[in-house]
Amino acid sequence: MVVMPVALVIVIVCTLFLLVAIILVIVWGGRPFRRPADPGAPASPLRLYLWWANVATAAALASGILVAWAGGRLAMRILALTSPASAQGRLTEAQANIGFPTIDGSIALLFFGGLPAGFAAAFIYLFIRRWLPAGRWAGPALGVLLLLVFGASVDPLRAENIDFAIVGPGWLSVALFSALAVLHGAVVAAVAGAFSQRLPLPSGRDWKYYLPLVGAILFLPVGVLLGIGALVVMLCSWLAHVGRAGREPVQRGPDQVRSARALRRAIALSWGGRATLGLAAVAALPPFITAVASIISR
């Protein structure tokens, strides 16, 4: 019986996962995000919250596992092979041995790197999606924006990371992690768009569609965050109900006036959001360029 080395198994699994991510982008990329629709009475705030949380969780798990974790693991393996012999066996910033991948190290990367990156990207996408380009460009634009804003200060291109002084070449590190960031954003948008088109509002007969949310709850940091969010939604819903019960009915103006005001607000919000994203990217560009130049020059 032939037993494959751990390193080879990890490379094969990560490559397959990365191929799945690319296929998801090809098949689902560009699908428009659709808000939930309930054929019956208006949905309660809690049901809407669970719908949004489940969409975010599905996109987070797919991108975090297939790209941030598997892609990151594969990139590290490639850099270990392209680094000089003196780098082999040295400890990385995360206290891992370069050139000697292990199952324990891969699991640690999943829980401390892949899943947090997946959930962060998914939550940010759902918040800013309306201000991103339409169609297939939404996901890559998300990836580029996250790379510019967080790449040099958080990860993956933080100049202070001692790993870039050990592995290399620097240009290959920048190319690999930049490509993964773009693919990560593309997977988030593709999965969120496809899932939103199929996901019904939570009900007793549709519980199976909400299994991703159960997975998120088992990941303790996200489970606590989602639990707090659910409590806040229920509290705000109760306060709004109490407030409506104590007020006199409000006389509504003509429908045309209300529609015109809503349209102006929507236009202002759209332009304001895009301007904010643009300013954030421009402000983050100088430190990002500095970090990239520092990594490449090592």
Protein backbone atom coordinates (compact mmCIF):
# COMPACT_ATOMS: atom_id res chain seq x y z
CA MET A 1 0.00 0.00 0.00
CA VAL A 2 1.41 3.35 -1.10
CA VAL A 3 0.96 6.24 1.34
CA MET A 4 1.21 9.72 -0.18
CA PRO A 5 3.25 12.32 1.72
CA VAL A 6 1.24 14.86 3.69
CA ALA A 7 2.61 17.71 1.57
CA LEU A 8 1.38 16.07 -1.64
CA VAL A 9 -2.08 15.41 -0.17
CA ILE A 10 -2.37 19.04 0.93
CA VAL A 11 -1.31 20.30 -2.51
CA ILE A 12 -3.81 18.06 -4.30
CA VAL A 13 -6.72 18.98 -2.02
CA CYS A 14 -5.95 22.71 -2.18
CA THR A 15 -5.60 22.61 -5.96
CA LEU A 16 -8.98 20.88 -6.31
CA PHE A 17 -10.61 23.41 -3.99
CA LEU A 18 -9.12 26.30 -5.96
CA LEU A 19 -10.41 24.79 -9.21
CA VAL A 20 -13.90 24.57 -7.67
CA ALA A 21 -13.67 28.25 -6.79
CA ILE A 22 -12.77 29.17 -10.35
CA ILE A 23 -15.66 27.06 -11.69
CA LEU A 24 -18.09 28.79 -9.32
CA VAL A 25 -16.97 32.18 -10.63
CA ILE A 26 -17.33 31.05 -14.25
CA VAL A 27 -20.79 29.54 -13.74
CA TRP A 28 -22.30 31.95 -11.19
CA GLY A 29 -20.29 35.12 -11.75
CA GLY A 30 -22.40 38.11 -12.73
CA ARG A 31 -25.66 36.80 -11.29
CA PRO A 32 -27.54 39.75 -9.81
CA PHE A 33 -28.16 39.83 -6.09
CA ARG A 34 -31.87 39.59 -5.28
CA ARG A 35 -33.44 40.68 -2.05
CA PRO A 36 -35.80 38.21 -0.34
CA ALA A 37 -39.41 38.06 -1.41
CA ASP A 38 -42.27 36.62 0.64
CA PRO A 39 -45.46 35.74 -1.26
CA GLY A 40 -47.49 36.03 1.93
CA ALA A 41 -47.59 38.74 4.56
CA PRO A 42 -44.59 41.05 5.03
CA ALA A 43 -41.70 39.18 6.60
CA SER A 44 -40.73 39.85 10.19
CA PRO A 45 -37.40 41.61 10.82
CA LEU A 46 -35.97 38.46 12.41
CA ARG A 47 -36.79 36.32 9.36
CA LEU A 48 -35.18 38.92 7.11
CA TYR A 49 -32.12 39.03 9.36
CA LEU A 50 -31.75 35.23 9.22
CA TRP A 51 -32.05 35.36 5.42
CA TRP A 52 -29.26 37.95 5.11
CA ALA A 53 -27.10 36.13 7.67
CA ASN A 54 -27.49 32.85 5.77
CA VAL A 55 -26.52 34.42 2.44
CA ALA A 56 -23.46 35.98 4.05
CA THR A 57 -22.54 32.66 5.66
CA ALA A 58 -22.78 30.72 2.41
CA ALA A 59 -20.54 33.24 0.63
CA ALA A 60 -18.14 33.32 3.58
CA LEU A 61 -17.76 29.54 3.85
CA ALA A 62 -17.26 29.13 0.10
CA SER A 63 -14.71 31.91 -0.26
CA GLY A 64 -12.98 31.27 3.05
CA ILE A 65 -12.48 27.55 2.47
CA LEU A 66 -11.93 27.45 -1.29
CA VAL A 67 -9.79 30.59 -1.71
CA ALA A 68 -8.51 32.16 1.51
CA TRP A 69 -7.63 28.79 3.03
CA ALA A 70 -6.91 26.45 0.12
CA GLY A 71 -5.49 29.17 -2.11
CA GLY A 72 -3.41 30.60 0.70
CA ARG A 73 -2.06 27.17 1.59
CA LEU A 74 -1.16 26.50 -2.02
CA ALA A 75 0.53 29.89 -2.39
CA MET A 76 2.63 29.19 0.71
CA ARG A 77 3.66 25.84 -0.74
CA ILE A 78 4.67 27.44 -4.04
CA LEU A 79 6.73 30.08 -2.24
CA ALA A 80 8.39 27.41 -0.12
CA LEU A 81 9.50 25.65 -3.32
CA THR A 82 10.76 28.86 -4.96
CA SER A 83 12.64 30.08 -1.89
CA PRO A 84 16.35 29.45 -1.34
CA ALA A 85 17.52 26.38 0.55
CA SER A 86 18.35 28.55 3.57
CA ALA A 87 14.63 29.23 4.06
CA GLN A 88 13.68 25.57 4.46
CA GLY A 89 12.79 24.68 8.03
CA ARG A 90 12.75 28.26 9.32
CA LEU A 91 9.78 29.47 11.35
CA THR A 92 7.22 31.79 9.83
CA GLU A 93 5.41 34.57 11.67
CA ALA A 94 2.71 32.00 12.52
CA GLN A 95 5.37 29.63 13.94
CA ALA A 96 5.09 27.16 11.05
CA ASN A 97 8.08 25.40 9.50
CA ILE A 98 8.69 26.49 5.91
CA GLY A 99 8.73 23.56 3.51
CA PHE A 100 7.10 21.14 5.97
CA PRO A 101 3.30 21.51 5.74
CA THR A 102 1.28 19.62 8.32
CA ILE A 103 -2.36 18.76 8.90
CA ASP A 104 -2.34 20.69 12.19
CA GLY A 105 -0.93 23.77 10.48
CA SER A 106 -3.54 23.55 7.74
CA ILE A 107 -6.37 23.32 10.28
CA ALA A 108 -4.95 26.32 12.16
CA LEU A 109 -4.81 28.30 8.91
CA LEU A 110 -8.46 27.47 8.26
CA PHE A 111 -9.74 28.71 11.62
CA PHE A 112 -7.38 31.65 12.11
CA GLY A 113 -7.00 32.76 8.50
CA GLY A 114 -9.45 31.29 6.00
CA LEU A 115 -12.76 31.56 7.86
CA PRO A 116 -12.16 35.04 9.36
CA ALA A 117 -11.17 36.36 5.91
CA GLY A 118 -14.23 34.74 4.34
CA PHE A 119 -16.70 36.18 6.82
CA ALA A 120 -15.12 39.63 6.76
CA ALA A 121 -15.28 39.79 2.96
CA ALA A 122 -18.87 38.48 2.84
CA PHE A 123 -20.17 40.96 5.43
CA ILE A 124 -18.41 43.86 3.71
CA TYR A 125 -19.78 42.78 0.32
CA LEU A 126 -23.39 42.72 1.50
CA PHE A 127 -22.93 46.20 2.96
CA ILE A 128 -21.31 47.83 -0.11
CA ARG A 129 -22.65 45.66 -2.97
CA ARG A 130 -24.98 48.37 -4.30
CA TRP A 131 -22.00 50.67 -4.92
CA LEU A 132 -19.86 48.14 -6.77
CA PRO A 133 -19.87 47.74 -10.57
CA ALA A 134 -22.68 45.65 -12.00
CA GLY A 135 -22.31 42.16 -13.44
CA ARG A 136 -19.13 40.12 -13.36
CA TRP A 137 -17.00 43.09 -12.35
CA ALA A 138 -18.58 43.35 -8.88
CA GLY A 139 -16.61 40.48 -7.34
CA PRO A 140 -13.17 41.37 -8.73
CA ALA A 141 -13.78 45.01 -7.79
CA LEU A 142 -14.54 43.87 -4.25
CA GLY A 143 -11.30 41.88 -4.16
CA VAL A 144 -9.22 44.79 -5.44
CA LEU A 145 -10.84 47.20 -2.97
CA LEU A 146 -10.25 44.89 0.01
CA LEU A 147 -6.66 44.30 -1.11
CA LEU A 148 -5.98 48.05 -1.33
CA VAL A 149 -7.69 48.97 1.93
CA PHE A 150 -6.62 46.04 4.12
CA GLY A 151 -3.78 44.33 2.25
CA ALA A 152 -0.94 46.48 3.57
CA SER A 153 -2.25 46.93 7.11
CA VAL A 154 -3.88 43.57 7.94
CA ASP A 155 -3.02 40.93 5.32
CA PRO A 156 -1.92 39.48 2.93
CA LEU A 157 0.72 42.04 1.87
CA ARG A 158 1.73 43.51 5.21
CA ALA A 159 5.31 44.73 4.87
CA GLU A 160 6.03 44.03 8.56
CA ASN A 161 5.40 40.31 8.02
CA ILE A 162 8.78 38.63 8.49
CA ASP A 163 7.77 35.84 6.09
CA PHE A 164 8.51 38.05 3.10
CA ALA A 165 12.11 38.36 4.28
CA ILE A 166 12.43 34.57 4.27
CA VAL A 167 10.43 33.29 1.29
CA GLY A 168 10.35 34.68 -2.20
CA PRO A 169 10.89 36.03 -4.70
CA GLY A 170 8.98 39.12 -3.58
CA TRP A 171 7.32 39.75 -6.93
CA LEU A 172 5.90 36.23 -6.91
CA SER A 173 4.50 36.73 -3.39
CA VAL A 174 2.77 39.91 -4.49
CA ALA A 175 1.42 38.29 -7.67
CA LEU A 176 0.07 35.19 -5.90
CA PHE A 177 -1.65 36.96 -3.02
CA SER A 178 -3.04 39.70 -5.24
CA ALA A 179 -4.56 37.12 -7.58
CA LEU A 180 -6.06 35.28 -4.61
CA ALA A 181 -7.60 38.52 -3.30
CA VAL A 182 -9.31 39.18 -6.63
CA LEU A 183 -10.53 35.57 -6.83
CA HIS A 184 -11.76 35.77 -3.24
CA GLY A 185 -13.93 38.78 -4.04
CA ALA A 186 -15.22 37.09 -7.19
CA VAL A 187 -16.27 33.97 -5.26
CA VAL A 188 -18.02 36.03 -2.58
CA ALA A 189 -20.10 37.91 -5.17
CA ALA A 190 -20.82 34.81 -7.27
CA VAL A 191 -22.01 32.65 -4.36
CA ALA A 192 -23.99 35.48 -2.74
CA GLY A 193 -25.73 36.28 -6.02
CA ALA A 194 -26.58 32.67 -6.86
CA PHE A 195 -27.65 31.82 -3.30
CA SER A 196 -29.85 34.92 -2.97
CA GLN A 197 -31.83 33.87 -6.05
CA ARG A 198 -32.66 30.45 -4.61
CA LEU A 199 -32.98 31.05 -0.88
CA PRO A 200 -36.51 31.32 0.54
CA LEU A 201 -37.27 33.15 3.75
CA PRO A 202 -36.90 30.85 6.77
CA SER A 203 -39.84 28.63 7.57
CA GLY A 204 -40.42 25.22 9.06
CA ARG A 205 -40.33 23.41 5.73
CA ASP A 206 -37.25 25.26 4.42
CA TRP A 207 -34.89 24.59 7.32
CA LYS A 208 -32.49 22.61 5.13
CA TYR A 209 -31.57 25.78 3.22
CA TYR A 210 -30.25 27.27 6.46
CA LEU A 211 -27.63 24.64 7.25
CA PRO A 212 -24.81 27.10 6.36
CA LEU A 213 -26.04 29.36 9.16
CA VAL A 214 -25.72 26.45 11.60
CA GLY A 215 -22.12 26.08 10.48
CA ALA A 216 -21.51 29.77 11.17
CA ILE A 217 -22.94 29.46 14.67
CA LEU A 218 -20.51 26.62 15.41
CA PHE A 219 -17.62 28.97 14.54
CA LEU A 220 -17.66 30.69 17.92
CA PRO A 221 -16.63 34.29 17.04
CA VAL A 222 -19.14 34.54 14.19
CA GLY A 223 -21.78 32.68 16.20
CA VAL A 224 -21.51 35.23 19.00
CA LEU A 225 -21.64 38.12 16.51
CA LEU A 226 -24.71 36.73 14.73
CA GLY A 227 -26.40 36.02 18.05
CA ILE A 228 -25.88 39.61 19.19
CA GLY A 229 -27.21 40.80 15.84
CA ALA A 230 -30.37 38.72 16.25
CA LEU A 231 -30.95 40.15 19.72
CA VAL A 232 -30.49 43.70 18.42
CA VAL A 233 -32.95 43.07 15.57
CA MET A 234 -35.59 41.69 17.95
CA LEU A 235 -35.10 44.62 20.36
CA CYS A 236 -35.37 47.22 17.59
CA SER A 237 -38.45 45.48 16.20
CA TRP A 238 -40.12 45.55 19.62
CA LEU A 239 -39.26 49.21 20.17
CA ALA A 240 -40.60 50.12 16.72
CA HIS A 241 -43.83 48.25 17.44
CA VAL A 242 -44.25 50.05 20.76
CA GLY A 243 -43.53 53.38 19.09
CA ARG A 244 -46.08 52.80 16.34
CA ALA A 245 -48.72 51.82 18.88
CA GLY A 246 -48.32 55.12 20.74
CA ARG A 247 -48.44 57.44 17.72
CA GLU A 248 -51.34 58.90 15.84
CA PRO A 249 -51.71 57.82 12.21
CA VAL A 250 -49.56 59.98 9.91
CA GLN A 251 -51.24 61.63 6.97
CA ARG A 252 -49.40 60.63 3.81
CA GLY A 253 -48.74 63.03 0.97
CA PRO A 254 -49.34 62.30 -2.71
CA ASP A 255 -47.66 59.20 -4.04
CA GLN A 256 -45.81 61.16 -6.71
CA VAL A 257 -44.20 63.44 -4.11
CA ARG A 258 -43.07 60.50 -2.02
CA SER A 259 -41.72 58.70 -5.08
CA ALA A 260 -39.73 61.74 -6.19
CA ARG A 261 -38.20 62.15 -2.74
CA ALA A 262 -37.33 58.47 -2.55
CA LEU A 263 -35.68 58.66 -5.98
CA ARG A 264 -33.59 61.66 -4.97
CA ARG A 265 -32.50 59.92 -1.78
CA ALA A 266 -31.58 56.78 -3.72
CA ILE A 267 -29.50 58.75 -6.22
CA ALA A 268 -27.73 60.68 -3.46
CA LEU A 269 -27.02 57.46 -1.57
CA SER A 270 -25.68 55.77 -4.71
CA TRP A 271 -23.29 58.59 -5.61
CA GLY A 272 -22.28 59.10 -1.98
CA GLY A 273 -21.47 55.42 -1.48
CA ARG A 274 -19.41 55.17 -4.67
CA ALA A 275 -17.55 58.34 -3.80
CA THR A 276 -16.76 56.97 -0.35
CA LEU A 277 -15.39 53.72 -1.79
CA GLY A 278 -13.33 55.66 -4.32
CA LEU A 279 -11.87 57.92 -1.64
CA ALA A 280 -11.06 54.92 0.54
CA ALA A 281 -9.21 53.25 -2.33
CA VAL A 282 -7.28 56.43 -3.19
CA ALA A 283 -6.32 57.00 0.46
CA ALA A 284 -5.13 53.39 0.80
CA LEU A 285 -3.11 53.41 -2.44
CA PRO A 286 0.11 55.11 -1.18
CA PRO A 287 0.68 52.76 1.80
CA PHE A 288 -0.23 49.80 -0.41
CA ILE A 289 2.34 50.78 -3.05
CA THR A 290 4.93 51.31 -0.30
CA ALA A 291 4.26 47.84 1.12
CA VAL A 292 4.44 46.17 -2.30
CA ALA A 293 7.69 47.97 -3.13
CA SER A 294 9.15 46.86 0.19
CA ILE A 295 8.21 43.21 -0.40
CA ILE A 296 9.53 43.14 -3.96
CA SER A 297 12.84 44.74 -3.01
CA ARG A 298 13.74 42.05 -0.46
